[in-house]
N, C-alpha and C. Protein backbone atom coordinates (compact mmCIF):
# COMPACT_ATOMS: atom_id res chain seq x y z
N UNK A 1 -2.13 10.61 15.02
CA UNK A 1 -2.98 10.29 13.88
C UNK A 1 -2.36 10.85 12.62
N UNK A 2 -2.32 10.03 11.56
CA UNK A 2 -1.83 10.48 10.28
C UNK A 2 -2.97 10.71 9.31
N UNK A 3 -2.82 11.71 8.45
CA UNK A 3 -3.83 12.00 7.43
C UNK A 3 -3.15 12.07 6.07
N UNK A 4 -3.66 11.28 5.14
CA UNK A 4 -3.19 11.27 3.76
C UNK A 4 -4.33 11.75 2.88
N UNK A 5 -4.05 12.67 1.96
CA UNK A 5 -5.06 13.14 1.00
C UNK A 5 -4.61 12.73 -0.39
N UNK A 6 -5.54 12.14 -1.12
CA UNK A 6 -5.30 11.76 -2.52
C UNK A 6 -6.23 12.59 -3.38
N UNK A 7 -5.64 13.41 -4.24
CA UNK A 7 -6.42 14.23 -5.17
C UNK A 7 -6.12 13.82 -6.59
N UNK A 8 -6.61 14.61 -7.52
CA UNK A 8 -6.38 14.33 -8.93
C UNK A 8 -6.92 15.45 -9.78
N UNK A 9 -6.48 15.51 -11.03
CA UNK A 9 -6.82 16.67 -11.85
C UNK A 9 -8.16 16.53 -12.56
N UNK A 10 -8.76 15.34 -12.56
CA UNK A 10 -10.02 15.15 -13.27
C UNK A 10 -10.72 13.91 -12.75
N UNK A 11 -11.89 13.63 -13.29
CA UNK A 11 -12.60 12.39 -12.99
C UNK A 11 -11.90 11.24 -13.70
N UNK A 12 -12.06 10.07 -13.15
CA UNK A 12 -11.63 8.82 -13.80
C UNK A 12 -10.13 8.76 -14.11
N UNK A 13 -9.32 9.34 -13.23
CA UNK A 13 -7.87 9.23 -13.42
C UNK A 13 -7.25 8.22 -12.45
N UNK A 14 -8.06 7.65 -11.56
CA UNK A 14 -7.56 6.59 -10.69
C UNK A 14 -7.41 6.97 -9.23
N UNK A 15 -8.04 8.06 -8.80
CA UNK A 15 -7.92 8.47 -7.39
C UNK A 15 -8.42 7.37 -6.46
N UNK A 16 -9.59 6.83 -6.75
CA UNK A 16 -10.16 5.78 -5.91
C UNK A 16 -9.27 4.55 -5.90
N UNK A 17 -8.71 4.22 -7.04
CA UNK A 17 -7.82 3.05 -7.13
C UNK A 17 -6.54 3.26 -6.32
N UNK A 18 -6.04 4.48 -6.30
CA UNK A 18 -4.85 4.77 -5.48
C UNK A 18 -5.20 4.65 -4.00
N UNK A 19 -6.34 5.21 -3.60
CA UNK A 19 -6.76 5.10 -2.19
C UNK A 19 -6.90 3.63 -1.80
N UNK A 20 -7.65 2.87 -2.59
CA UNK A 20 -7.88 1.45 -2.29
C UNK A 20 -6.55 0.69 -2.28
N UNK A 21 -5.67 1.01 -3.22
CA UNK A 21 -4.38 0.33 -3.29
C UNK A 21 -3.50 0.60 -2.08
N UNK A 22 -3.51 1.84 -1.59
CA UNK A 22 -2.72 2.17 -0.40
C UNK A 22 -3.29 1.50 0.85
N UNK A 23 -4.60 1.46 0.96
CA UNK A 23 -5.23 0.78 2.10
C UNK A 23 -4.80 -0.68 2.11
N UNK A 24 -4.85 -1.33 0.94
CA UNK A 24 -4.48 -2.75 0.84
C UNK A 24 -2.99 -2.97 1.09
N UNK A 25 -2.17 -2.04 0.62
CA UNK A 25 -0.71 -2.19 0.75
C UNK A 25 -0.22 -1.91 2.17
N UNK A 26 -1.00 -1.13 2.94
CA UNK A 26 -0.57 -0.72 4.28
C UNK A 26 -1.65 -1.03 5.32
N UNK A 27 -1.99 -2.31 5.49
CA UNK A 27 -3.11 -2.66 6.39
C UNK A 27 -2.85 -2.34 7.86
N UNK A 28 -1.61 -2.27 8.26
CA UNK A 28 -1.29 -2.02 9.67
C UNK A 28 -1.70 -0.63 10.14
N UNK A 29 -2.02 0.26 9.20
CA UNK A 29 -2.36 1.64 9.57
C UNK A 29 -3.83 1.81 9.94
N UNK A 30 -4.62 0.74 9.86
CA UNK A 30 -5.99 0.75 10.39
C UNK A 30 -6.77 1.97 9.89
N UNK A 31 -6.90 2.08 8.58
CA UNK A 31 -7.42 3.28 7.92
C UNK A 31 -8.91 3.55 8.16
N UNK A 32 -9.23 4.83 8.32
CA UNK A 32 -10.59 5.33 8.12
C UNK A 32 -10.52 6.08 6.80
N UNK A 33 -11.39 5.71 5.86
CA UNK A 33 -11.33 6.27 4.51
C UNK A 33 -12.54 7.17 4.23
N UNK A 34 -12.28 8.23 3.48
CA UNK A 34 -13.33 9.18 3.11
C UNK A 34 -13.28 9.44 1.61
N UNK A 35 -14.45 9.55 1.02
CA UNK A 35 -14.57 10.05 -0.35
C UNK A 35 -15.46 11.28 -0.27
N UNK A 36 -14.96 12.39 -0.79
CA UNK A 36 -15.74 13.64 -0.77
C UNK A 36 -16.17 13.97 -2.18
N UNK A 37 -17.47 14.11 -2.36
CA UNK A 37 -18.06 14.42 -3.66
C UNK A 37 -18.79 15.74 -3.55
N UNK A 38 -18.50 16.65 -4.45
CA UNK A 38 -19.25 17.92 -4.49
C UNK A 38 -20.20 17.89 -5.67
N UNK A 39 -21.38 18.41 -5.44
CA UNK A 39 -22.40 18.41 -6.49
C UNK A 39 -22.92 19.81 -6.69
N UNK A 40 -23.51 20.04 -7.84
CA UNK A 40 -24.11 21.34 -8.11
C UNK A 40 -24.93 21.30 -9.38
N UNK A 41 -26.02 22.03 -9.38
CA UNK A 41 -26.88 22.15 -10.55
C UNK A 41 -27.39 20.78 -11.03
N UNK A 42 -27.56 19.83 -10.09
CA UNK A 42 -28.08 18.52 -10.45
C UNK A 42 -27.08 17.62 -11.16
N UNK A 43 -25.83 18.04 -11.21
CA UNK A 43 -24.81 17.27 -11.90
C UNK A 43 -23.77 16.79 -10.90
N UNK A 44 -23.40 15.53 -11.00
CA UNK A 44 -22.43 14.94 -10.09
C UNK A 44 -21.01 15.33 -10.50
N UNK A 45 -20.20 15.68 -9.52
CA UNK A 45 -18.82 16.02 -9.82
C UNK A 45 -17.98 14.78 -10.08
N UNK A 46 -18.50 13.61 -9.75
CA UNK A 46 -17.73 12.38 -9.99
C UNK A 46 -17.69 12.02 -11.47
N UNK A 47 -18.84 12.17 -12.16
CA UNK A 47 -18.87 11.71 -13.54
C UNK A 47 -19.60 12.66 -14.50
N UNK A 48 -20.04 13.80 -14.01
CA UNK A 48 -20.68 14.78 -14.88
C UNK A 48 -22.10 14.43 -15.29
N UNK A 49 -22.70 13.41 -14.68
CA UNK A 49 -24.04 12.98 -15.04
C UNK A 49 -25.02 13.26 -13.91
N UNK A 50 -26.31 13.12 -14.22
CA UNK A 50 -27.34 13.24 -13.18
C UNK A 50 -27.13 12.13 -12.16
N UNK A 51 -27.32 12.45 -10.88
CA UNK A 51 -27.12 11.43 -9.87
C UNK A 51 -27.92 11.75 -8.62
N UNK A 52 -27.80 10.84 -7.62
CA UNK A 52 -28.49 11.05 -6.35
C UNK A 52 -27.52 11.44 -5.25
N UNK A 53 -26.40 12.08 -5.62
CA UNK A 53 -25.43 12.54 -4.61
C UNK A 53 -26.06 13.53 -3.65
N UNK A 54 -26.89 14.39 -4.18
CA UNK A 54 -27.41 15.49 -3.40
C UNK A 54 -28.32 15.00 -2.28
N UNK A 55 -28.13 15.57 -1.14
CA UNK A 55 -29.04 15.32 -0.03
C UNK A 55 -30.32 16.10 -0.31
N UNK A 56 -31.45 15.49 -0.04
CA UNK A 56 -32.74 16.13 -0.35
C UNK A 56 -33.06 17.28 0.61
N UNK A 57 -32.52 17.20 1.84
CA UNK A 57 -32.98 18.15 2.85
C UNK A 57 -31.91 19.12 3.34
N UNK A 58 -30.68 18.98 2.89
CA UNK A 58 -29.66 19.93 3.33
C UNK A 58 -28.52 19.96 2.31
N UNK A 59 -27.57 20.83 2.56
CA UNK A 59 -26.52 21.05 1.58
C UNK A 59 -25.36 20.07 1.69
N UNK A 60 -25.40 19.17 2.69
CA UNK A 60 -24.36 18.15 2.78
C UNK A 60 -24.91 16.91 3.48
N UNK A 61 -24.27 15.81 3.25
CA UNK A 61 -24.65 14.56 3.90
C UNK A 61 -23.42 13.67 4.01
N UNK A 62 -23.40 12.86 5.06
CA UNK A 62 -22.33 11.88 5.24
C UNK A 62 -22.96 10.54 5.56
N UNK A 63 -22.54 9.51 4.85
CA UNK A 63 -23.03 8.17 5.14
C UNK A 63 -21.85 7.23 5.35
N UNK A 64 -22.01 6.32 6.30
CA UNK A 64 -20.98 5.31 6.51
C UNK A 64 -21.30 4.11 5.64
N UNK A 65 -20.31 3.67 4.88
CA UNK A 65 -20.49 2.52 3.99
C UNK A 65 -20.58 1.25 4.81
N UNK A 66 -21.54 0.39 4.48
CA UNK A 66 -21.68 -0.91 5.13
C UNK A 66 -21.51 -2.05 4.13
N UNK A 67 -21.72 -1.76 2.86
CA UNK A 67 -21.69 -2.77 1.81
C UNK A 67 -20.24 -3.17 1.49
N UNK A 68 -20.00 -4.45 1.40
CA UNK A 68 -18.66 -4.95 1.08
C UNK A 68 -18.65 -5.68 -0.26
N UNK A 69 -19.53 -5.26 -1.16
CA UNK A 69 -19.57 -5.89 -2.49
C UNK A 69 -18.47 -5.39 -3.40
N UNK A 70 -17.91 -4.22 -3.07
CA UNK A 70 -16.87 -3.64 -3.93
C UNK A 70 -17.43 -2.89 -5.12
N UNK A 71 -18.74 -2.64 -5.14
CA UNK A 71 -19.35 -1.96 -6.29
C UNK A 71 -19.11 -0.46 -6.22
N UNK A 72 -19.40 0.16 -5.08
CA UNK A 72 -19.20 1.61 -4.95
C UNK A 72 -17.75 1.90 -4.56
N UNK A 73 -17.35 3.15 -4.70
CA UNK A 73 -15.98 3.54 -4.34
C UNK A 73 -15.71 3.29 -2.87
N UNK A 74 -16.62 3.72 -2.00
CA UNK A 74 -16.40 3.53 -0.57
C UNK A 74 -16.46 2.05 -0.18
N UNK A 75 -17.24 1.27 -0.91
CA UNK A 75 -17.25 -0.17 -0.69
C UNK A 75 -15.90 -0.78 -1.05
N UNK A 76 -15.29 -0.27 -2.09
CA UNK A 76 -13.94 -0.73 -2.47
C UNK A 76 -12.94 -0.44 -1.34
N UNK A 77 -13.12 0.67 -0.64
CA UNK A 77 -12.23 0.99 0.48
C UNK A 77 -12.35 -0.08 1.57
N UNK A 78 -13.59 -0.48 1.87
CA UNK A 78 -13.79 -1.51 2.89
C UNK A 78 -13.20 -2.85 2.44
N UNK A 79 -13.44 -3.22 1.19
CA UNK A 79 -12.92 -4.47 0.66
C UNK A 79 -11.39 -4.49 0.72
N UNK A 80 -10.79 -3.31 0.53
CA UNK A 80 -9.32 -3.21 0.57
C UNK A 80 -8.76 -3.30 1.99
N UNK A 81 -9.64 -3.15 3.00
CA UNK A 81 -9.18 -3.32 4.38
C UNK A 81 -9.41 -2.14 5.30
N UNK A 82 -10.09 -1.09 4.84
CA UNK A 82 -10.36 0.05 5.73
C UNK A 82 -11.25 -0.38 6.88
N UNK A 83 -11.00 0.16 8.06
CA UNK A 83 -11.84 -0.16 9.23
C UNK A 83 -13.21 0.50 9.09
N UNK A 84 -13.26 1.71 8.48
CA UNK A 84 -14.50 2.42 8.22
C UNK A 84 -14.33 3.19 6.92
N UNK A 85 -15.45 3.44 6.25
CA UNK A 85 -15.42 4.26 5.03
C UNK A 85 -16.65 5.15 5.03
N UNK A 86 -16.44 6.43 4.68
CA UNK A 86 -17.52 7.42 4.67
C UNK A 86 -17.58 8.10 3.32
N UNK A 87 -18.81 8.35 2.87
CA UNK A 87 -19.03 9.12 1.65
C UNK A 87 -19.65 10.45 2.07
N UNK A 88 -18.94 11.54 1.79
CA UNK A 88 -19.41 12.88 2.13
C UNK A 88 -19.83 13.57 0.84
N UNK A 89 -21.07 14.05 0.79
CA UNK A 89 -21.56 14.80 -0.36
C UNK A 89 -21.90 16.21 0.08
N UNK A 90 -21.38 17.20 -0.66
CA UNK A 90 -21.70 18.59 -0.35
C UNK A 90 -22.01 19.35 -1.62
N UNK A 91 -22.78 20.40 -1.45
CA UNK A 91 -22.96 21.33 -2.57
C UNK A 91 -21.62 22.01 -2.84
N UNK A 92 -21.41 22.39 -4.09
CA UNK A 92 -20.19 23.12 -4.46
C UNK A 92 -20.03 24.33 -3.54
N UNK A 93 -18.83 24.49 -2.99
CA UNK A 93 -18.54 25.65 -2.16
C UNK A 93 -19.04 25.58 -0.73
N UNK A 94 -19.63 24.44 -0.33
CA UNK A 94 -20.19 24.36 1.02
C UNK A 94 -19.59 23.21 1.84
N UNK A 95 -18.41 22.78 1.47
CA UNK A 95 -17.74 21.73 2.22
C UNK A 95 -17.50 22.14 3.67
N UNK A 96 -17.30 23.43 3.90
CA UNK A 96 -17.05 23.90 5.26
C UNK A 96 -18.16 23.53 6.23
N UNK A 97 -19.40 23.40 5.72
CA UNK A 97 -20.52 23.07 6.59
C UNK A 97 -20.47 21.63 7.09
N UNK A 98 -19.73 20.78 6.39
CA UNK A 98 -19.60 19.38 6.81
C UNK A 98 -18.35 19.13 7.64
N UNK A 99 -17.50 20.15 7.78
CA UNK A 99 -16.19 19.93 8.38
C UNK A 99 -16.21 19.52 9.85
N UNK A 100 -17.16 20.01 10.63
CA UNK A 100 -17.17 19.61 12.05
C UNK A 100 -17.43 18.11 12.17
N UNK A 101 -18.31 17.58 11.35
CA UNK A 101 -18.58 16.13 11.38
C UNK A 101 -17.38 15.35 10.84
N UNK A 102 -16.77 15.85 9.78
CA UNK A 102 -15.59 15.18 9.23
C UNK A 102 -14.47 15.16 10.26
N UNK A 103 -14.26 16.29 10.94
CA UNK A 103 -13.20 16.36 11.96
C UNK A 103 -13.44 15.35 13.09
N UNK A 104 -14.71 15.19 13.50
CA UNK A 104 -15.02 14.21 14.54
C UNK A 104 -14.66 12.80 14.09
N UNK A 105 -15.00 12.47 12.85
CA UNK A 105 -14.69 11.14 12.32
C UNK A 105 -13.19 10.96 12.16
N UNK A 106 -12.48 12.02 11.77
CA UNK A 106 -11.03 11.93 11.64
C UNK A 106 -10.37 11.58 12.97
N UNK A 107 -10.91 12.12 14.04
CA UNK A 107 -10.33 11.90 15.37
C UNK A 107 -10.67 10.52 15.93
N UNK A 108 -11.62 9.82 15.30
CA UNK A 108 -12.07 8.54 15.85
C UNK A 108 -11.16 7.37 15.48
N UNK A 109 -10.25 7.56 14.55
CA UNK A 109 -9.38 6.46 14.14
C UNK A 109 -7.93 6.86 14.13
N UNK A 110 -7.03 5.88 14.05
CA UNK A 110 -5.60 6.19 14.10
C UNK A 110 -5.06 6.88 12.86
N UNK A 111 -5.55 6.51 11.67
CA UNK A 111 -5.06 7.10 10.42
C UNK A 111 -6.21 7.26 9.45
N UNK A 112 -6.15 8.32 8.67
CA UNK A 112 -7.22 8.59 7.70
C UNK A 112 -6.63 8.80 6.32
N UNK A 113 -7.39 8.36 5.33
CA UNK A 113 -7.04 8.60 3.93
C UNK A 113 -8.27 9.19 3.27
N UNK A 114 -8.09 10.33 2.59
CA UNK A 114 -9.22 11.11 2.08
C UNK A 114 -9.06 11.32 0.58
N UNK A 115 -10.08 10.97 -0.18
CA UNK A 115 -10.08 11.23 -1.62
C UNK A 115 -10.76 12.57 -1.87
N UNK A 116 -9.96 13.58 -2.16
CA UNK A 116 -10.49 14.92 -2.37
C UNK A 116 -9.35 15.89 -2.66
N UNK A 117 -9.62 16.92 -3.43
CA UNK A 117 -8.70 18.06 -3.50
C UNK A 117 -9.16 19.15 -2.54
N UNK A 118 -10.47 19.38 -2.52
CA UNK A 118 -11.04 20.52 -1.79
C UNK A 118 -10.83 20.47 -0.29
N UNK A 119 -10.64 19.27 0.27
CA UNK A 119 -10.44 19.15 1.72
C UNK A 119 -9.19 19.91 2.16
N UNK A 120 -8.29 20.19 1.24
CA UNK A 120 -7.05 20.89 1.58
C UNK A 120 -7.29 22.32 2.04
N UNK A 121 -8.49 22.85 1.81
CA UNK A 121 -8.85 24.16 2.36
C UNK A 121 -8.91 24.12 3.89
N UNK A 122 -9.20 22.94 4.45
CA UNK A 122 -9.52 22.83 5.86
C UNK A 122 -8.60 21.90 6.65
N UNK A 123 -7.85 21.08 5.97
CA UNK A 123 -7.01 20.08 6.62
C UNK A 123 -5.59 20.20 6.10
N UNK A 124 -4.62 20.16 6.98
CA UNK A 124 -3.23 20.11 6.56
C UNK A 124 -2.76 18.68 6.78
N UNK A 125 -2.75 17.89 5.70
CA UNK A 125 -2.40 16.47 5.85
C UNK A 125 -0.91 16.26 6.05
N UNK A 126 -0.58 15.06 6.47
CA UNK A 126 0.82 14.68 6.56
C UNK A 126 1.40 14.47 5.16
N UNK A 127 0.52 14.16 4.22
CA UNK A 127 0.97 13.87 2.86
C UNK A 127 -0.18 14.15 1.89
N UNK A 128 0.13 14.84 0.81
CA UNK A 128 -0.85 15.07 -0.26
C UNK A 128 -0.26 14.53 -1.56
N UNK A 129 -0.99 13.61 -2.16
CA UNK A 129 -0.58 13.00 -3.42
C UNK A 129 -1.65 13.30 -4.45
N UNK A 130 -1.22 13.72 -5.64
CA UNK A 130 -2.17 13.98 -6.72
C UNK A 130 -1.94 12.99 -7.85
N UNK A 131 -3.04 12.59 -8.49
CA UNK A 131 -2.99 11.63 -9.59
C UNK A 131 -3.20 12.41 -10.89
N UNK A 132 -2.27 12.26 -11.83
CA UNK A 132 -2.32 12.99 -13.10
C UNK A 132 -2.26 12.00 -14.26
N UNK A 133 -3.11 12.24 -15.25
CA UNK A 133 -3.11 11.44 -16.47
C UNK A 133 -2.94 12.37 -17.66
N UNK A 134 -1.77 12.37 -18.30
CA UNK A 134 -1.51 13.30 -19.40
C UNK A 134 -2.47 13.16 -20.59
N UNK A 135 -3.17 12.03 -20.69
CA UNK A 135 -4.10 11.85 -21.81
C UNK A 135 -5.48 12.42 -21.52
N UNK A 136 -5.71 12.89 -20.30
CA UNK A 136 -6.99 13.49 -19.93
C UNK A 136 -6.82 15.00 -19.89
N UNK A 137 -7.55 15.70 -20.74
CA UNK A 137 -7.34 17.13 -20.93
C UNK A 137 -7.89 18.00 -19.79
N UNK A 138 -9.01 17.60 -19.22
CA UNK A 138 -9.65 18.40 -18.18
C UNK A 138 -8.71 18.57 -16.98
N UNK A 139 -8.72 19.77 -16.39
CA UNK A 139 -7.92 20.01 -15.18
C UNK A 139 -8.77 20.85 -14.23
N UNK A 140 -9.25 20.22 -13.16
CA UNK A 140 -10.13 20.90 -12.22
C UNK A 140 -9.42 22.07 -11.55
N UNK A 141 -10.20 23.11 -11.27
CA UNK A 141 -9.63 24.30 -10.62
C UNK A 141 -9.03 23.96 -9.27
N UNK A 142 -9.69 23.07 -8.51
CA UNK A 142 -9.16 22.71 -7.19
C UNK A 142 -7.83 21.99 -7.31
N UNK A 143 -7.69 21.15 -8.32
CA UNK A 143 -6.42 20.43 -8.53
C UNK A 143 -5.32 21.40 -8.91
N UNK A 144 -5.65 22.35 -9.75
CA UNK A 144 -4.66 23.35 -10.16
C UNK A 144 -4.23 24.20 -8.97
N UNK A 145 -5.19 24.58 -8.14
CA UNK A 145 -4.91 25.43 -6.99
C UNK A 145 -3.93 24.78 -6.01
N UNK A 146 -4.06 23.47 -5.82
CA UNK A 146 -3.24 22.78 -4.83
C UNK A 146 -2.07 21.99 -5.42
N UNK A 147 -1.85 22.09 -6.71
CA UNK A 147 -0.81 21.30 -7.36
C UNK A 147 0.56 21.51 -6.74
N UNK A 148 0.90 22.74 -6.41
CA UNK A 148 2.21 23.03 -5.83
C UNK A 148 2.40 22.42 -4.44
N UNK A 149 1.28 22.11 -3.76
CA UNK A 149 1.37 21.53 -2.41
C UNK A 149 1.58 20.02 -2.42
N UNK A 150 1.49 19.42 -3.59
CA UNK A 150 1.62 17.95 -3.66
C UNK A 150 3.01 17.51 -3.22
N UNK A 151 3.03 16.51 -2.35
CA UNK A 151 4.30 15.90 -1.93
C UNK A 151 4.74 14.86 -2.94
N UNK A 152 3.77 14.29 -3.62
CA UNK A 152 4.06 13.26 -4.61
C UNK A 152 3.04 13.28 -5.72
N UNK A 153 3.45 12.76 -6.87
CA UNK A 153 2.57 12.70 -8.04
C UNK A 153 2.53 11.27 -8.54
N UNK A 154 1.33 10.73 -8.68
CA UNK A 154 1.13 9.46 -9.35
C UNK A 154 0.80 9.82 -10.79
N UNK A 155 1.70 9.45 -11.71
CA UNK A 155 1.62 9.92 -13.10
C UNK A 155 1.43 8.74 -14.05
N UNK A 156 0.34 8.79 -14.80
CA UNK A 156 0.07 7.74 -15.79
C UNK A 156 1.06 7.81 -16.93
N UNK A 157 1.43 6.65 -17.45
CA UNK A 157 2.18 6.57 -18.69
C UNK A 157 3.67 6.80 -18.56
N UNK A 158 4.29 6.84 -19.71
CA UNK A 158 5.75 7.00 -19.78
C UNK A 158 6.11 8.45 -20.03
N UNK A 159 7.39 8.73 -20.02
CA UNK A 159 7.88 10.10 -20.24
C UNK A 159 7.59 10.59 -21.65
N UNK A 160 7.28 9.66 -22.57
CA UNK A 160 7.05 10.05 -23.96
C UNK A 160 5.67 10.66 -24.19
N UNK A 161 4.75 10.54 -23.24
CA UNK A 161 3.40 11.07 -23.42
C UNK A 161 3.38 12.52 -22.97
N UNK A 162 3.19 13.47 -23.89
CA UNK A 162 3.15 14.88 -23.48
C UNK A 162 1.81 15.24 -22.83
N UNK A 163 1.83 16.07 -21.78
CA UNK A 163 0.57 16.48 -21.14
C UNK A 163 -0.27 17.35 -22.08
N UNK A 164 -1.59 17.32 -21.89
CA UNK A 164 -2.52 18.13 -22.68
C UNK A 164 -3.11 19.24 -21.84
N UNK A 165 -2.29 19.92 -21.08
CA UNK A 165 -2.81 20.91 -20.16
C UNK A 165 -2.24 22.28 -20.48
N UNK A 166 -2.84 23.00 -21.42
CA UNK A 166 -2.33 24.35 -21.71
C UNK A 166 -2.43 25.25 -20.49
N UNK A 167 -1.37 25.97 -20.21
CA UNK A 167 -1.37 26.90 -19.08
C UNK A 167 -1.09 26.26 -17.74
N UNK A 168 -0.87 24.93 -17.70
CA UNK A 168 -0.58 24.23 -16.45
C UNK A 168 0.85 23.71 -16.54
N UNK A 169 1.67 24.12 -15.61
CA UNK A 169 3.02 23.57 -15.59
C UNK A 169 3.19 22.70 -14.35
N UNK A 170 3.73 21.53 -14.57
CA UNK A 170 3.96 20.59 -13.48
C UNK A 170 5.47 20.42 -13.34
N UNK A 171 5.99 20.87 -12.21
CA UNK A 171 7.44 20.77 -11.96
C UNK A 171 7.76 19.37 -11.47
N UNK A 172 7.84 18.42 -12.41
CA UNK A 172 8.05 17.03 -12.04
C UNK A 172 9.40 16.81 -11.36
N UNK A 173 10.39 17.63 -11.73
CA UNK A 173 11.71 17.45 -11.14
C UNK A 173 11.74 17.87 -9.67
N UNK A 174 10.74 18.62 -9.22
CA UNK A 174 10.71 19.10 -7.84
C UNK A 174 9.81 18.22 -6.95
N UNK A 175 9.22 17.19 -7.53
CA UNK A 175 8.28 16.33 -6.79
C UNK A 175 8.74 14.88 -6.86
N UNK A 176 8.27 14.09 -5.92
CA UNK A 176 8.44 12.64 -6.01
C UNK A 176 7.40 12.14 -7.00
N UNK A 177 7.83 11.52 -8.08
CA UNK A 177 6.93 11.05 -9.13
C UNK A 177 6.92 9.52 -9.13
N UNK A 178 5.70 8.97 -9.15
CA UNK A 178 5.50 7.53 -9.21
C UNK A 178 4.75 7.23 -10.49
N UNK A 179 5.45 6.74 -11.50
CA UNK A 179 4.82 6.45 -12.80
C UNK A 179 4.09 5.13 -12.73
N UNK A 180 2.90 5.12 -13.33
CA UNK A 180 2.08 3.90 -13.33
C UNK A 180 1.58 3.59 -14.73
N UNK A 181 1.35 2.32 -14.97
CA UNK A 181 0.65 1.83 -16.16
C UNK A 181 -0.40 0.87 -15.64
N UNK A 182 -1.58 1.41 -15.28
CA UNK A 182 -2.60 0.62 -14.58
C UNK A 182 -3.07 -0.60 -15.39
N UNK A 183 -3.56 -1.61 -14.65
CA UNK A 183 -3.28 -1.80 -13.23
C UNK A 183 -1.85 -2.30 -13.04
N UNK A 184 -1.28 -2.17 -11.89
CA UNK A 184 -1.79 -1.60 -10.64
C UNK A 184 -1.60 -0.09 -10.57
N UNK A 185 -2.20 0.51 -9.55
CA UNK A 185 -2.11 1.95 -9.32
C UNK A 185 -1.12 2.31 -8.22
N UNK A 186 -0.77 1.33 -7.39
CA UNK A 186 0.12 1.59 -6.26
C UNK A 186 1.33 0.68 -6.34
N UNK A 187 2.49 1.29 -6.45
CA UNK A 187 3.75 0.53 -6.49
C UNK A 187 4.29 0.34 -5.08
N UNK A 188 5.23 -0.55 -4.94
CA UNK A 188 5.90 -0.73 -3.66
C UNK A 188 6.57 0.57 -3.22
N UNK A 189 7.16 1.29 -4.18
CA UNK A 189 7.82 2.56 -3.86
C UNK A 189 6.84 3.58 -3.29
N UNK A 190 5.64 3.65 -3.87
CA UNK A 190 4.63 4.59 -3.36
C UNK A 190 4.19 4.20 -1.96
N UNK A 191 3.94 2.92 -1.74
CA UNK A 191 3.52 2.47 -0.41
C UNK A 191 4.61 2.77 0.62
N UNK A 192 5.87 2.55 0.27
CA UNK A 192 6.98 2.85 1.19
C UNK A 192 7.10 4.35 1.47
N UNK A 193 6.86 5.17 0.45
CA UNK A 193 6.88 6.62 0.58
C UNK A 193 5.83 7.08 1.60
N UNK A 194 4.62 6.54 1.48
CA UNK A 194 3.53 6.88 2.40
C UNK A 194 3.86 6.40 3.82
N UNK A 195 4.31 5.17 3.94
CA UNK A 195 4.65 4.62 5.27
C UNK A 195 5.73 5.45 5.95
N UNK A 196 6.73 5.86 5.19
CA UNK A 196 7.82 6.66 5.76
C UNK A 196 7.30 7.99 6.27
N UNK A 197 6.40 8.63 5.53
CA UNK A 197 5.82 9.91 5.96
C UNK A 197 5.01 9.74 7.24
N UNK A 198 4.28 8.66 7.33
CA UNK A 198 3.44 8.43 8.52
C UNK A 198 4.27 8.06 9.74
N UNK A 199 5.42 7.45 9.51
CA UNK A 199 6.27 7.06 10.63
C UNK A 199 7.13 8.19 11.11
């Protein structure tokens, strides 16, 4: 079984689009896809707004996506060709409580692709790719913590765009960098890089 983790330094930098793009580009891998959302203080970590991510009766919840309309992120995973897609919601700092269920689901399919930075506390993937957008100033603590572990970087824009991340250094020369100008989010080179790692 292969596990790919796609992270990113902030909201709305294209993590979901990279996951969906890889699923579509590599259909033979029969993906089980996960999106992990952490919530806290009534605010969603996906977009910073009030939401219904939080489970009413416990600190985490997992739902299997059934809708194929392509409206939600996990629905986009199914539309792209994933065999199953799960949305995991946990309170900030309590992802560990959902890990036994996540591990069971990971073992149920041949290959998994997970949208999350925080999962790296508990899973050692075959490949970790982070999505960076130099025009987005915010840099999540989890993304900063795991930046050095990235095997590859999906980087928005051209070399002429300077990053806006004071105190964050990205050693681009030491990583495989896949530059994008969306759409699309997944190049042939990126898909081949992932396939080679899984093989």
